[in-house]
Structures are given as structure tokens and as C-alpha cells.
PDB file of all heavy atoms in Angstrom:
ATOM      1  N   THR A   1      -3.038 -22.810  12.078  1.00  0.00           N
ATOM      2  CA  THR A   1      -3.299 -24.129  11.571  1.00  0.00           C
ATOM      3  C   THR A   1      -4.839 -24.490  11.380  1.00  0.00           C
ATOM      4  O   THR A   1      -5.202 -25.630  10.990  1.00  0.00           O
ATOM      5  CB  THR A   1      -2.634 -25.357  12.478  1.00  0.00           C
ATOM      6  OG1 THR A   1      -3.109 -25.242  13.811  1.00  0.00           O
ATOM      7  CG2 THR A   1      -1.150 -25.140  12.526  1.00  0.00           C
ATOM      8  N   GLN A   2      -5.600 -23.470  11.630  1.00  0.00           N
ATOM      9  CA  GLN A   2      -7.128 -23.620  11.702  1.00  0.00           C
ATOM     10  C   GLN A   2      -7.700 -23.542  10.279  1.00  0.00           C
ATOM     11  O   GLN A   2      -8.900 -23.990  10.085  1.00  0.00           O
ATOM     12  CB  GLN A   2      -7.821 -22.678  12.602  1.00  0.00           C
ATOM     13  CG  GLN A   2      -7.085 -22.644  14.039  1.00  0.00           C
ATOM     14  CD  GLN A   2      -6.906 -23.934  14.724  1.00  0.00           C
ATOM     15  OE1 GLN A   2      -7.924 -24.766  14.777  1.00  0.00           O
ATOM     16  NE2 GLN A   2      -5.709 -24.216  15.176  1.00  0.00           N
ATOM     17  N   GLY A   3      -7.032 -22.899   9.314  1.00  0.00           N
ATOM     18  CA  GLY A   3      -7.656 -22.822   8.019  1.00  0.00           C
ATOM     19  C   GLY A   3      -7.627 -21.396   7.553  1.00  0.00           C
ATOM     20  O   GLY A   3      -7.033 -20.550   8.089  1.00  0.00           O
ATOM     21  N   THR A   4      -8.348 -21.050   6.496  1.00  0.00           N
ATOM     22  CA  THR A   4      -8.299 -19.790   5.873  1.00  0.00           C
ATOM     23  C   THR A   4      -9.751 -19.190   5.791  1.00  0.00           C
ATOM     24  O   THR A   4     -10.717 -19.914   5.782  1.00  0.00           O
ATOM     25  CB  THR A   4      -7.764 -19.756   4.413  1.00  0.00           C
ATOM     26  OG1 THR A   4      -8.454 -20.708   3.642  1.00  0.00           O
ATOM     27  CG2 THR A   4      -6.285 -20.264   4.428  1.00  0.00           C
ATOM     28  N   ILE A   5      -9.740 -17.861   5.767  1.00  0.00           N
ATOM     29  CA  ILE A   5     -11.046 -17.186   5.455  1.00  0.00           C
ATOM     30  C   ILE A   5     -10.883 -16.414   4.262  1.00  0.00           C
ATOM     31  O   ILE A   5      -9.954 -15.656   4.015  1.00  0.00           O
ATOM     32  CB  ILE A   5     -11.484 -16.189   6.627  1.00  0.00           C
ATOM     33  CG1 ILE A   5     -11.595 -16.938   7.836  1.00  0.00           C
ATOM     34  CG2 ILE A   5     -12.592 -15.288   6.221  1.00  0.00           C
ATOM     35  CD1 ILE A   5     -11.645 -16.150   9.140  1.00  0.00           C
ATOM     36  N   THR A   6     -11.738 -16.708   3.191  1.00  0.00           N
ATOM     37  CA  THR A   6     -11.427 -16.058   1.816  1.00  0.00           C
ATOM     38  C   THR A   6     -12.719 -15.082   1.586  1.00  0.00           C
ATOM     39  O   THR A   6     -13.706 -15.416   1.677  1.00  0.00           O
ATOM     40  CB  THR A   6     -11.483 -17.203   0.753  1.00  0.00           C
ATOM     41  OG1 THR A   6     -10.361 -18.067   1.017  1.00  0.00           O
ATOM     42  CG2 THR A   6     -11.320 -16.510  -0.670  1.00  0.00           C
ATOM     43  N   ILE A   7     -12.216 -13.821   1.203  1.00  0.00           N
ATOM     44  CA  ILE A   7     -13.179 -12.876   0.777  1.00  0.00           C
ATOM     45  C   ILE A   7     -12.977 -12.839  -0.890  1.00  0.00           C
ATOM     46  O   ILE A   7     -12.018 -12.636  -1.465  1.00  0.00           O
ATOM     47  CB  ILE A   7     -12.835 -11.355   1.311  1.00  0.00           C
ATOM     48  CG1 ILE A   7     -12.707 -11.455   2.831  1.00  0.00           C
ATOM     49  CG2 ILE A   7     -13.846 -10.332   0.847  1.00  0.00           C
ATOM     50  CD1 ILE A   7     -14.031 -11.937   3.524  1.00  0.00           C
ATOM     51  N   ALA A   8     -14.018 -13.172  -1.401  1.00  0.00           N
ATOM     52  CA  ALA A   8     -13.957 -13.468  -2.832  1.00  0.00           C
ATOM     53  C   ALA A   8     -13.692 -12.168  -3.678  1.00  0.00           C
ATOM     54  O   ALA A   8     -13.988 -11.088  -3.287  1.00  0.00           O
ATOM     55  CB  ALA A   8     -15.276 -14.112  -3.308  1.00  0.00           C
ATOM     56  N   ASP A   9     -13.065 -12.495  -4.806  1.00  0.00           N
ATOM     57  CA  ASP A   9     -12.638 -11.275  -5.701  1.00  0.00           C
ATOM     58  C   ASP A   9     -13.852 -10.604  -6.084  1.00  0.00           C
ATOM     59  O   ASP A   9     -13.867  -9.364  -6.195  1.00  0.00           O
ATOM     60  CB  ASP A   9     -11.925 -11.821  -6.851  1.00  0.00           C
ATOM     61  CG  ASP A   9     -11.398 -10.838  -7.857  1.00  0.00           C
ATOM     62  OD1 ASP A   9     -11.369  -9.613  -7.583  1.00  0.00           O
ATOM     63  OD2 ASP A   9     -11.304 -11.220  -9.097  1.00  0.00           O
ATOM     64  N   ALA A  10     -14.955 -11.108  -6.273  1.00  0.00           N
ATOM     65  CA  ALA A  10     -16.248 -10.462  -6.694  1.00  0.00           C
ATOM     66  C   ALA A  10     -16.697  -9.607  -5.724  1.00  0.00           C
ATOM     67  O   ALA A  10     -17.456  -8.644  -5.957  1.00  0.00           O
ATOM     68  CB  ALA A  10     -17.321 -11.651  -7.111  1.00  0.00           C
ATOM     69  N   ASP A  11     -16.425  -9.898  -4.419  1.00  0.00           N
ATOM     70  CA  ASP A  11     -16.986  -8.946  -3.416  1.00  0.00           C
ATOM     71  C   ASP A  11     -16.043  -7.640  -3.128  1.00  0.00           C
ATOM     72  O   ASP A  11     -16.529  -6.795  -2.374  1.00  0.00           O
ATOM     73  CB  ASP A  11     -16.999  -9.808  -2.033  1.00  0.00           C
ATOM     74  CG  ASP A  11     -18.002 -10.968  -2.047  1.00  0.00           C
ATOM     75  OD1 ASP A  11     -19.093 -10.778  -2.727  1.00  0.00           O
ATOM     76  OD2 ASP A  11     -17.820 -11.795  -1.392  1.00  0.00           O
ATOM     77  N   ILE A  12     -14.897  -7.636  -3.644  1.00  0.00           N
ATOM     78  CA  ILE A  12     -14.025  -6.451  -3.507  1.00  0.00           C
ATOM     79  C   ILE A  12     -14.111  -5.782  -4.855  1.00  0.00           C
ATOM     80  O   ILE A  12     -13.775  -6.358  -5.885  1.00  0.00           O
ATOM     81  CB  ILE A  12     -12.614  -6.900  -3.079  1.00  0.00           C
ATOM     82  CG1 ILE A  12     -12.573  -7.837  -1.794  1.00  0.00           C
ATOM     83  CG2 ILE A  12     -11.729  -5.738  -2.918  1.00  0.00           C
ATOM     84  CD1 ILE A  12     -11.358  -8.514  -1.470  1.00  0.00           C
ATOM     85  N   SER A  13     -14.044  -4.363  -4.702  1.00  0.00           N
ATOM     86  CA  SER A  13     -14.204  -3.698  -6.007  1.00  0.00           C
ATOM     87  C   SER A  13     -13.237  -2.395  -5.780  1.00  0.00           C
ATOM     88  O   SER A  13     -12.677  -2.205  -4.707  1.00  0.00           O
ATOM     89  CB  SER A  13     -15.518  -3.117  -6.341  1.00  0.00           C
ATOM     90  OG  SER A  13     -16.015  -2.183  -5.321  1.00  0.00           O
ATOM     91  N   ALA A  14     -13.143  -1.645  -6.864  1.00  0.00           N
ATOM     92  CA  ALA A  14     -12.321  -0.463  -6.875  1.00  0.00           C
ATOM     93  C   ALA A  14     -12.861   0.574  -5.833  1.00  0.00           C
ATOM     94  O   ALA A  14     -12.234   1.584  -5.461  1.00  0.00           O
ATOM     95  CB  ALA A  14     -12.225   0.138  -8.161  1.00  0.00           C
ATOM     96  N   ALA A  15     -14.149   0.320  -5.386  1.00  0.00           N
ATOM     97  CA  ALA A  15     -14.807   1.299  -4.457  1.00  0.00           C
ATOM     98  C   ALA A  15     -14.691   0.916  -2.970  1.00  0.00           C
ATOM     99  O   ALA A  15     -15.354   1.653  -2.135  1.00  0.00           O
ATOM    100  CB  ALA A  15     -16.186   1.606  -5.003  1.00  0.00           C
ATOM    101  N   THR A  16     -14.231  -0.282  -2.660  1.00  0.00           N
ATOM    102  CA  THR A  16     -14.324  -0.854  -1.440  1.00  0.00           C
ATOM    103  C   THR A  16     -13.363   0.006  -0.455  1.00  0.00           C
ATOM    104  O   THR A  16     -12.317   0.200  -0.635  1.00  0.00           O
ATOM    105  CB  THR A  16     -13.733  -2.278  -1.381  1.00  0.00           C
ATOM    106  OG1 THR A  16     -14.636  -3.092  -2.198  1.00  0.00           O
ATOM    107  CG2 THR A  16     -13.774  -2.763  -0.025  1.00  0.00           C
ATOM    108  N   THR A  17     -14.022   0.356   0.656  1.00  0.00           N
ATOM    109  CA  THR A  17     -13.418   1.238   1.695  1.00  0.00           C
ATOM    110  C   THR A  17     -12.948   0.340   2.712  1.00  0.00           C
ATOM    111  O   THR A  17     -13.237  -0.824   2.866  1.00  0.00           O
ATOM    112  CB  THR A  17     -14.297   2.317   2.207  1.00  0.00           C
ATOM    113  OG1 THR A  17     -15.421   1.790   2.839  1.00  0.00           O
ATOM    114  CG2 THR A  17     -14.831   3.207   1.075  1.00  0.00           C
ATOM    115  N   LEU A  18     -12.261   1.050   3.806  1.00  0.00           N
ATOM    116  CA  LEU A  18     -11.836   0.368   5.009  1.00  0.00           C
ATOM    117  C   LEU A  18     -13.041  -0.218   5.687  1.00  0.00           C
ATOM    118  O   LEU A  18     -12.902  -1.392   6.185  1.00  0.00           O
ATOM    119  CB  LEU A  18     -10.997   1.247   5.743  1.00  0.00           C
ATOM    120  CG  LEU A  18      -9.783   0.730   6.800  1.00  0.00           C
ATOM    121  CD1 LEU A  18      -8.725   0.021   5.800  1.00  0.00           C
ATOM    122  CD2 LEU A  18      -9.239   1.790   7.474  1.00  0.00           C
ATOM    123  N   GLN A  19     -14.052   0.461   5.788  1.00  0.00           N
ATOM    124  CA  GLN A  19     -15.301  -0.017   6.586  1.00  0.00           C
ATOM    125  C   GLN A  19     -15.789  -1.249   5.774  1.00  0.00           C
ATOM    126  O   GLN A  19     -16.335  -2.229   6.588  1.00  0.00           O
ATOM    127  CB  GLN A  19     -16.210   1.056   6.700  1.00  0.00           C
ATOM    128  CG  GLN A  19     -15.820   2.131   7.857  1.00  0.00           C
ATOM    129  CD  GLN A  19     -17.003   3.227   7.999  1.00  0.00           C
ATOM    130  OE1 GLN A  19     -17.960   3.248   7.183  1.00  0.00           O
ATOM    131  NE2 GLN A  19     -16.809   3.908   9.073  1.00  0.00           N
ATOM    132  N   ASP A  20     -15.803  -1.033   4.434  1.00  0.00           N
ATOM    133  CA  ASP A  20     -16.396  -2.175   3.670  1.00  0.00           C
ATOM    134  C   ASP A  20     -15.730  -3.381   3.827  1.00  0.00           C
ATOM    135  O   ASP A  20     -16.239  -4.457   4.055  1.00  0.00           O
ATOM    136  CB  ASP A  20     -16.454  -1.686   2.225  1.00  0.00           C
ATOM    137  CG  ASP A  20     -17.313  -0.568   1.996  1.00  0.00           C
ATOM    138  OD1 ASP A  20     -18.322  -0.368   2.640  1.00  0.00           O
ATOM    139  OD2 ASP A  20     -17.010   0.211   0.849  1.00  0.00           O
ATOM    140  N   LEU A  21     -14.368  -3.254   3.861  1.00  0.00           N
ATOM    141  CA  LEU A  21     -13.565  -4.539   3.941  1.00  0.00           C
ATOM    142  C   LEU A  21     -13.680  -5.107   5.349  1.00  0.00           C
ATOM    143  O   LEU A  21     -13.729  -6.331   5.472  1.00  0.00           O
ATOM    144  CB  LEU A  21     -12.132  -4.130   3.798  1.00  0.00           C
ATOM    145  CG  LEU A  21     -11.193  -5.378   3.666  1.00  0.00           C
ATOM    146  CD1 LEU A  21     -11.496  -6.367   2.454  1.00  0.00           C
ATOM    147  CD2 LEU A  21      -9.565  -4.875   3.386  1.00  0.00           C
ATOM    148  N   ARG A  22     -13.819  -4.355   6.425  1.00  0.00           N
ATOM    149  CA  ARG A  22     -13.965  -4.756   7.758  1.00  0.00           C
ATOM    150  C   ARG A  22     -15.377  -5.565   7.796  1.00  0.00           C
ATOM    151  O   ARG A  22     -15.349  -6.723   8.298  1.00  0.00           O
ATOM    152  CB  ARG A  22     -14.221  -3.568   8.660  1.00  0.00           C
ATOM    153  CG  ARG A  22     -14.528  -4.034  10.121  1.00  0.00           C
ATOM    154  CD  ARG A  22     -15.041  -2.833  11.077  1.00  0.00           C
ATOM    155  NE  ARG A  22     -16.226  -2.212  10.222  1.00  0.00           N
ATOM    156  CZ  ARG A  22     -16.733  -1.057  10.639  1.00  0.00           C
ATOM    157  NH1 ARG A  22     -16.120  -0.251  11.635  1.00  0.00           N
ATOM    158  NH2 ARG A  22     -17.901  -0.656  10.105  1.00  0.00           N
ATOM    159  N   ASP A  23     -16.316  -5.064   7.254  1.00  0.00           N
ATOM    160  CA  ASP A  23     -17.641  -5.675   7.152  1.00  0.00           C
ATOM    161  C   ASP A  23     -17.680  -6.900   6.555  1.00  0.00           C
ATOM    162  O   ASP A  23     -18.403  -7.959   6.845  1.00  0.00           O
ATOM    163  CB  ASP A  23     -18.773  -4.736   6.701  1.00  0.00           C
ATOM    164  CG  ASP A  23     -18.997  -3.581   7.577  1.00  0.00           C
ATOM    165  OD1 ASP A  23     -18.461  -3.542   8.715  1.00  0.00           O
ATOM    166  OD2 ASP A  23     -19.576  -2.464   7.097  1.00  0.00           O
ATOM    167  N   LEU A  24     -16.907  -6.953   5.372  1.00  0.00           N
ATOM    168  CA  LEU A  24     -16.842  -8.297   4.631  1.00  0.00           C
ATOM    169  C   LEU A  24     -16.166  -9.359   5.447  1.00  0.00           C
ATOM    170  O   LEU A  24     -16.595 -10.481   5.287  1.00  0.00           O
ATOM    171  CB  LEU A  24     -15.958  -8.010   3.303  1.00  0.00           C
ATOM    172  CG  LEU A  24     -16.760  -7.177   2.108  1.00  0.00           C
ATOM    173  CD1 LEU A  24     -15.653  -6.839   1.115  1.00  0.00           C
ATOM    174  CD2 LEU A  24     -17.885  -8.021   1.529  1.00  0.00           C
TER     175      LEU A  24
END
């Protein structure tokens, strides 16, 4: 109930890896 965290579409690409997503 605390809210959401949004990773914008523009920050995710076809080259995003597991480590990249963790850091985002």
C-alpha cells in the first residue's frame, strides 16, 4: 500500500541485461 516504483520505458531497451535492470 506504499506506492509504486516505475522504471520508464525509455530506460529499458532490447540490450538491457539482468545486471542493468538491477541497477535501474
